[in-house]
Amino acid sequence: MSNTANTAARYAEEGYRNEQIVMTRKTLSLRGNKSHKSKPTPKGHEAFLKALESSEAIVNFEKISSGVLITGKIKHSDKYTISVTTEDGQTHVLFKHDLSEFWTEAKQPNQEEKDAQQ
């Protein structure tokens, strides 16, 4: 007899109701099936990084270890790293723990855009 059948038989002998047996079977089947878990929605700086990645914005990164400033588009980010492609086509992998800060430059309207708004 299978483990589930043994459990069901034991519950039946002890006088448990059918609802409890069904619930136990569902619980056992859900524990073994982990394929239905979805990725959590990013929050905080993770959400900000994903938004910058999808918008292909130019981002500036300052490294703690060397003070080097790297400017480029975010190609990918995960829990520990950010991949940045610079204007010259090089891809840099930056470790988040080595970043002092990152920021984008707000687009400044040129004189023609200012005149068009007035």
N, C-alpha and C. Protein backbone atom coordinates (compact mmCIF):
# COMPACT_ATOMS: atom_id res chain seq x y z
N MET A 1 0.84 -1.18 0.00
CA MET A 1 0.00 0.00 0.00
C MET A 1 0.88 1.24 0.00
N SER A 2 0.46 2.27 -0.71
CA SER A 2 1.26 3.49 -0.76
C SER A 2 1.11 4.26 0.55
N ASN A 3 1.99 5.22 0.75
CA ASN A 3 1.97 6.02 1.96
C ASN A 3 0.66 6.79 2.10
N THR A 4 0.17 7.33 0.99
CA THR A 4 -1.09 8.08 1.00
C THR A 4 -2.25 7.16 1.35
N ALA A 5 -2.25 5.94 0.80
CA ALA A 5 -3.31 4.98 1.09
C ALA A 5 -3.27 4.56 2.55
N ASN A 6 -2.06 4.39 3.10
CA ASN A 6 -1.92 4.04 4.52
C ASN A 6 -2.48 5.16 5.40
N THR A 7 -2.16 6.39 5.05
CA THR A 7 -2.65 7.53 5.81
C THR A 7 -4.17 7.61 5.73
N ALA A 8 -4.73 7.39 4.55
CA ALA A 8 -6.18 7.44 4.37
C ALA A 8 -6.85 6.33 5.17
N ALA A 9 -6.26 5.14 5.17
CA ALA A 9 -6.83 4.02 5.91
C ALA A 9 -6.79 4.30 7.41
N ARG A 10 -5.67 4.86 7.86
CA ARG A 10 -5.53 5.18 9.28
C ARG A 10 -6.57 6.22 9.70
N TYR A 11 -6.75 7.24 8.87
CA TYR A 11 -7.75 8.25 9.17
C TYR A 11 -9.16 7.66 9.20
N ALA A 12 -9.44 6.74 8.28
CA ALA A 12 -10.77 6.11 8.24
C ALA A 12 -11.01 5.28 9.49
N GLU A 13 -9.97 4.55 9.95
CA GLU A 13 -10.09 3.75 11.16
C GLU A 13 -10.32 4.62 12.39
N GLU A 14 -9.66 5.79 12.42
CA GLU A 14 -9.77 6.67 13.58
C GLU A 14 -11.02 7.54 13.52
N GLY A 15 -11.80 7.44 12.46
CA GLY A 15 -13.06 8.14 12.39
C GLY A 15 -12.97 9.57 11.87
N TYR A 16 -11.89 9.91 11.17
CA TYR A 16 -11.80 11.25 10.59
C TYR A 16 -12.78 11.37 9.43
N ARG A 17 -13.19 12.59 9.16
CA ARG A 17 -14.11 12.82 8.06
C ARG A 17 -13.35 12.82 6.73
N ASN A 18 -14.06 12.63 5.63
CA ASN A 18 -13.46 12.58 4.29
C ASN A 18 -12.78 13.88 3.91
N GLU A 19 -13.30 15.01 4.38
CA GLU A 19 -12.69 16.30 4.02
C GLU A 19 -11.24 16.38 4.47
N GLN A 20 -10.95 15.82 5.64
CA GLN A 20 -9.59 15.86 6.15
C GLN A 20 -8.67 14.97 5.31
N ILE A 21 -9.18 13.86 4.85
CA ILE A 21 -8.37 12.97 4.02
C ILE A 21 -8.05 13.65 2.69
N VAL A 22 -9.02 14.28 2.07
CA VAL A 22 -8.80 14.98 0.80
C VAL A 22 -7.81 16.11 1.00
N MET A 23 -7.95 16.86 2.10
CA MET A 23 -7.04 17.96 2.36
C MET A 23 -5.62 17.44 2.54
N THR A 24 -5.46 16.32 3.21
CA THR A 24 -4.14 15.74 3.40
C THR A 24 -3.54 15.33 2.05
N ARG A 25 -4.32 14.75 1.20
CA ARG A 25 -3.82 14.36 -0.12
C ARG A 25 -3.40 15.57 -0.93
N LYS A 26 -4.18 16.64 -0.88
CA LYS A 26 -3.82 17.86 -1.61
C LYS A 26 -2.53 18.45 -1.07
N THR A 27 -2.39 18.46 0.24
CA THR A 27 -1.18 19.00 0.86
C THR A 27 0.04 18.21 0.42
N LEU A 28 -0.08 16.88 0.42
CA LEU A 28 1.05 16.05 0.01
C LEU A 28 1.42 16.30 -1.44
N SER A 29 0.42 16.46 -2.31
CA SER A 29 0.73 16.66 -3.72
C SER A 29 1.29 18.06 -3.98
N LEU A 30 0.88 19.05 -3.22
CA LEU A 30 1.39 20.40 -3.43
C LEU A 30 2.82 20.54 -2.97
N ARG A 31 3.20 19.86 -1.92
CA ARG A 31 4.57 19.97 -1.42
C ARG A 31 5.59 19.45 -2.43
N GLY A 32 5.23 18.42 -3.16
CA GLY A 32 6.17 17.85 -4.11
C GLY A 32 6.22 18.58 -5.45
N ASN A 33 5.30 19.48 -5.71
CA ASN A 33 5.22 20.15 -7.01
C ASN A 33 5.64 21.60 -6.86
N LYS A 34 6.89 21.91 -7.19
CA LYS A 34 7.41 23.26 -7.02
C LYS A 34 7.48 24.03 -8.33
N SER A 35 6.97 23.45 -9.41
CA SER A 35 7.10 24.10 -10.72
C SER A 35 6.13 25.26 -10.90
N HIS A 36 5.16 25.41 -10.02
CA HIS A 36 4.16 26.46 -10.18
C HIS A 36 4.55 27.78 -9.52
N LYS A 37 5.71 27.84 -8.86
CA LYS A 37 6.12 29.08 -8.20
C LYS A 37 6.54 30.10 -9.26
N SER A 38 6.06 31.32 -9.09
CA SER A 38 6.44 32.38 -10.02
C SER A 38 7.47 33.27 -9.35
N LYS A 39 8.22 33.99 -10.17
CA LYS A 39 9.22 34.89 -9.63
C LYS A 39 8.54 36.06 -8.95
N PRO A 40 9.07 36.49 -7.83
CA PRO A 40 8.46 37.64 -7.16
C PRO A 40 8.70 38.92 -7.94
N THR A 41 7.80 39.86 -7.80
CA THR A 41 7.94 41.15 -8.47
C THR A 41 9.10 41.90 -7.84
N PRO A 42 10.02 42.45 -8.67
CA PRO A 42 11.15 43.18 -8.09
C PRO A 42 10.67 44.40 -7.32
N LYS A 43 11.39 44.72 -6.24
CA LYS A 43 11.06 45.88 -5.42
C LYS A 43 12.31 46.70 -5.17
N GLY A 44 12.14 47.94 -4.80
CA GLY A 44 13.26 48.80 -4.45
C GLY A 44 14.19 49.04 -5.62
N HIS A 45 15.50 48.95 -5.35
CA HIS A 45 16.47 49.24 -6.40
C HIS A 45 16.41 48.20 -7.52
N GLU A 46 15.96 46.98 -7.22
CA GLU A 46 15.82 45.96 -8.27
C GLU A 46 14.80 46.40 -9.31
N ALA A 47 13.68 46.94 -8.86
CA ALA A 47 12.66 47.43 -9.79
C ALA A 47 13.19 48.61 -10.60
N PHE A 48 13.95 49.49 -9.94
CA PHE A 48 14.54 50.63 -10.62
C PHE A 48 15.52 50.17 -11.69
N LEU A 49 16.37 49.19 -11.36
CA LEU A 49 17.32 48.67 -12.34
C LEU A 49 16.62 48.02 -13.53
N LYS A 50 15.57 47.24 -13.27
CA LYS A 50 14.83 46.59 -14.36
C LYS A 50 14.16 47.64 -15.26
N ALA A 51 13.65 48.73 -14.66
CA ALA A 51 13.04 49.79 -15.46
C ALA A 51 14.10 50.48 -16.33
N LEU A 52 15.28 50.71 -15.76
CA LEU A 52 16.36 51.32 -16.54
C LEU A 52 16.82 50.39 -17.65
N GLU A 53 16.85 49.11 -17.38
CA GLU A 53 17.24 48.12 -18.39
C GLU A 53 16.26 48.11 -19.55
N SER A 54 14.97 48.09 -19.25
CA SER A 54 13.97 48.02 -20.31
C SER A 54 13.88 49.32 -21.10
N SER A 55 14.16 50.46 -20.46
CA SER A 55 14.10 51.74 -21.18
C SER A 55 15.39 52.06 -21.93
N GLU A 56 16.42 51.24 -21.71
CA GLU A 56 17.74 51.44 -22.34
C GLU A 56 18.30 52.83 -22.05
N ALA A 57 18.10 53.30 -20.83
CA ALA A 57 18.62 54.60 -20.43
C ALA A 57 20.13 54.53 -20.19
N ILE A 58 20.80 55.65 -20.36
CA ILE A 58 22.22 55.76 -20.05
C ILE A 58 22.35 55.95 -18.54
N VAL A 59 23.14 55.07 -17.91
CA VAL A 59 23.29 55.08 -16.45
C VAL A 59 24.76 55.23 -16.09
N ASN A 60 25.03 56.00 -15.04
CA ASN A 60 26.38 56.19 -14.52
C ASN A 60 26.54 55.35 -13.26
N PHE A 61 27.68 54.64 -13.16
CA PHE A 61 27.99 53.81 -11.99
C PHE A 61 29.33 54.24 -11.44
N GLU A 62 29.42 54.41 -10.13
CA GLU A 62 30.70 54.74 -9.50
C GLU A 62 31.11 53.58 -8.61
N LYS A 63 32.35 53.08 -8.85
CA LYS A 63 32.84 51.93 -8.09
C LYS A 63 33.51 52.40 -6.80
N ILE A 64 33.30 51.66 -5.72
CA ILE A 64 33.90 51.97 -4.43
C ILE A 64 35.40 51.71 -4.45
N SER A 65 35.79 50.56 -5.00
CA SER A 65 37.19 50.11 -4.92
C SER A 65 38.16 51.05 -5.63
N SER A 66 37.76 51.58 -6.77
CA SER A 66 38.69 52.39 -7.55
C SER A 66 38.20 53.80 -7.83
N GLY A 67 36.96 54.09 -7.54
CA GLY A 67 36.41 55.40 -7.82
C GLY A 67 36.14 55.63 -9.31
N VAL A 68 36.28 54.58 -10.12
CA VAL A 68 36.08 54.68 -11.56
C VAL A 68 34.60 54.90 -11.86
N LEU A 69 34.33 55.77 -12.82
CA LEU A 69 32.97 56.04 -13.27
C LEU A 69 32.75 55.29 -14.58
N ILE A 70 31.74 54.45 -14.62
CA ILE A 70 31.40 53.70 -15.84
C ILE A 70 30.02 54.15 -16.28
N THR A 71 29.91 54.52 -17.56
CA THR A 71 28.65 55.00 -18.11
C THR A 71 28.24 54.11 -19.26
N GLY A 72 26.98 53.67 -19.24
CA GLY A 72 26.49 52.83 -20.32
C GLY A 72 25.05 52.40 -20.07
N LYS A 73 24.61 51.46 -20.91
CA LYS A 73 23.25 50.92 -20.80
C LYS A 73 23.30 49.59 -20.07
N ILE A 74 22.30 49.36 -19.22
CA ILE A 74 22.22 48.10 -18.48
C ILE A 74 21.77 47.00 -19.44
N LYS A 75 22.59 45.98 -19.55
CA LYS A 75 22.27 44.84 -20.40
C LYS A 75 21.51 43.79 -19.61
N HIS A 76 21.92 43.57 -18.36
CA HIS A 76 21.27 42.57 -17.50
C HIS A 76 21.62 42.88 -16.05
N SER A 77 20.72 42.53 -15.13
CA SER A 77 21.03 42.62 -13.71
C SER A 77 20.42 41.43 -12.99
N ASP A 78 21.11 40.98 -11.95
CA ASP A 78 20.59 39.91 -11.13
C ASP A 78 20.84 40.26 -9.67
N LYS A 79 20.81 39.27 -8.81
CA LYS A 79 20.91 39.52 -7.37
C LYS A 79 22.24 40.16 -6.97
N TYR A 80 23.34 39.80 -7.65
CA TYR A 80 24.66 40.26 -7.24
C TYR A 80 25.39 41.13 -8.25
N THR A 81 25.00 41.10 -9.53
CA THR A 81 25.77 41.79 -10.56
C THR A 81 24.88 42.64 -11.48
N ILE A 82 25.54 43.56 -12.16
CA ILE A 82 24.91 44.37 -13.20
C ILE A 82 25.84 44.34 -14.40
N SER A 83 25.33 43.97 -15.57
CA SER A 83 26.12 44.00 -16.81
C SER A 83 25.81 45.29 -17.55
N VAL A 84 26.86 46.03 -17.88
CA VAL A 84 26.70 47.34 -18.52
C VAL A 84 27.47 47.34 -19.83
N THR A 85 26.82 47.81 -20.90
CA THR A 85 27.47 47.96 -22.19
C THR A 85 27.74 49.44 -22.41
N THR A 86 29.02 49.78 -22.61
CA THR A 86 29.41 51.17 -22.80
C THR A 86 29.25 51.57 -24.27
N GLU A 87 29.45 52.84 -24.55
CA GLU A 87 29.28 53.35 -25.92
C GLU A 87 30.25 52.72 -26.90
N ASP A 88 31.45 52.32 -26.43
CA ASP A 88 32.42 51.70 -27.33
C ASP A 88 32.18 50.21 -27.53
N GLY A 89 31.08 49.68 -26.98
CA GLY A 89 30.70 48.29 -27.21
C GLY A 89 31.23 47.31 -26.19
N GLN A 90 32.02 47.76 -25.23
CA GLN A 90 32.53 46.86 -24.20
C GLN A 90 31.45 46.56 -23.17
N THR A 91 31.47 45.33 -22.68
CA THR A 91 30.54 44.95 -21.63
C THR A 91 31.31 44.77 -20.33
N HIS A 92 30.85 45.45 -19.29
CA HIS A 92 31.46 45.37 -17.96
C HIS A 92 30.48 44.68 -17.03
N VAL A 93 30.99 43.76 -16.22
CA VAL A 93 30.18 43.14 -15.18
C VAL A 93 30.58 43.80 -13.86
N LEU A 94 29.62 44.47 -13.25
CA LEU A 94 29.87 45.18 -12.00
C LEU A 94 29.22 44.42 -10.85
N PHE A 95 29.95 44.26 -9.77
CA PHE A 95 29.38 43.64 -8.58
C PHE A 95 28.68 44.72 -7.76
N LYS A 96 27.46 44.46 -7.37
CA LYS A 96 26.67 45.47 -6.65
C LYS A 96 27.35 45.91 -5.36
N HIS A 97 28.03 44.99 -4.67
CA HIS A 97 28.66 45.36 -3.42
C HIS A 97 29.84 46.32 -3.62
N ASP A 98 30.31 46.47 -4.87
CA ASP A 98 31.43 47.36 -5.16
C ASP A 98 30.95 48.70 -5.74
N LEU A 99 29.65 48.94 -5.74
CA LEU A 99 29.13 50.21 -6.29
C LEU A 99 28.83 51.19 -5.16
N SER A 100 29.33 52.39 -5.33
CA SER A 100 29.05 53.44 -4.37
C SER A 100 27.67 54.03 -4.64
N GLU A 101 27.37 54.27 -5.92
CA GLU A 101 26.08 54.81 -6.32
C GLU A 101 25.89 54.64 -7.82
N PHE A 102 24.65 54.79 -8.27
CA PHE A 102 24.37 54.83 -9.70
C PHE A 102 23.25 55.83 -9.92
N TRP A 103 23.26 56.46 -11.11
CA TRP A 103 22.27 57.49 -11.41
C TRP A 103 22.15 57.67 -12.90
N THR A 104 21.06 58.30 -13.30
CA THR A 104 20.85 58.65 -14.71
C THR A 104 20.90 60.16 -14.83
N GLU A 105 21.19 60.61 -15.99
CA GLU A 105 21.19 62.05 -16.26
C GLU A 105 19.82 62.42 -16.80
N ALA A 106 19.20 63.42 -16.20
CA ALA A 106 17.93 63.91 -16.72
C ALA A 106 18.21 64.63 -18.03
N LYS A 107 17.39 64.38 -19.02
CA LYS A 107 17.58 65.02 -20.32
C LYS A 107 17.26 66.51 -20.18
N GLN A 108 18.23 67.32 -20.49
CA GLN A 108 18.05 68.77 -20.42
C GLN A 108 17.51 69.26 -21.76
N PRO A 109 16.41 70.00 -21.76
CA PRO A 109 15.87 70.49 -23.03
C PRO A 109 16.83 71.51 -23.65
N ASN A 110 17.05 71.37 -24.97
CA ASN A 110 17.91 72.33 -25.65
C ASN A 110 17.11 73.60 -25.95
N GLN A 111 17.73 74.61 -26.48
CA GLN A 111 17.08 75.89 -26.69
C GLN A 111 15.88 75.78 -27.63
N GLU A 112 15.96 74.94 -28.67
CA GLU A 112 14.84 74.78 -29.61
C GLU A 112 13.62 74.20 -28.90
N GLU A 113 13.84 73.22 -28.00
CA GLU A 113 12.71 72.64 -27.26
C GLU A 113 12.08 73.67 -26.32
N LYS A 114 12.92 74.53 -25.70
CA LYS A 114 12.40 75.57 -24.81
C LYS A 114 11.54 76.56 -25.61
N ASP A 115 12.01 76.94 -26.81
CA ASP A 115 11.25 77.88 -27.62
C ASP A 115 9.93 77.28 -28.09
N ALA A 116 9.94 75.97 -28.39
CA ALA A 116 8.73 75.31 -28.86
C ALA A 116 7.68 75.23 -27.76
N GLN A 117 8.11 75.14 -26.50
CA GLN A 117 7.17 75.06 -25.40
C GLN A 117 6.50 76.40 -25.12
N GLN A 118 7.14 77.50 -25.49
CA GLN A 118 6.58 78.82 -25.19
C GLN A 118 5.61 79.28 -26.21
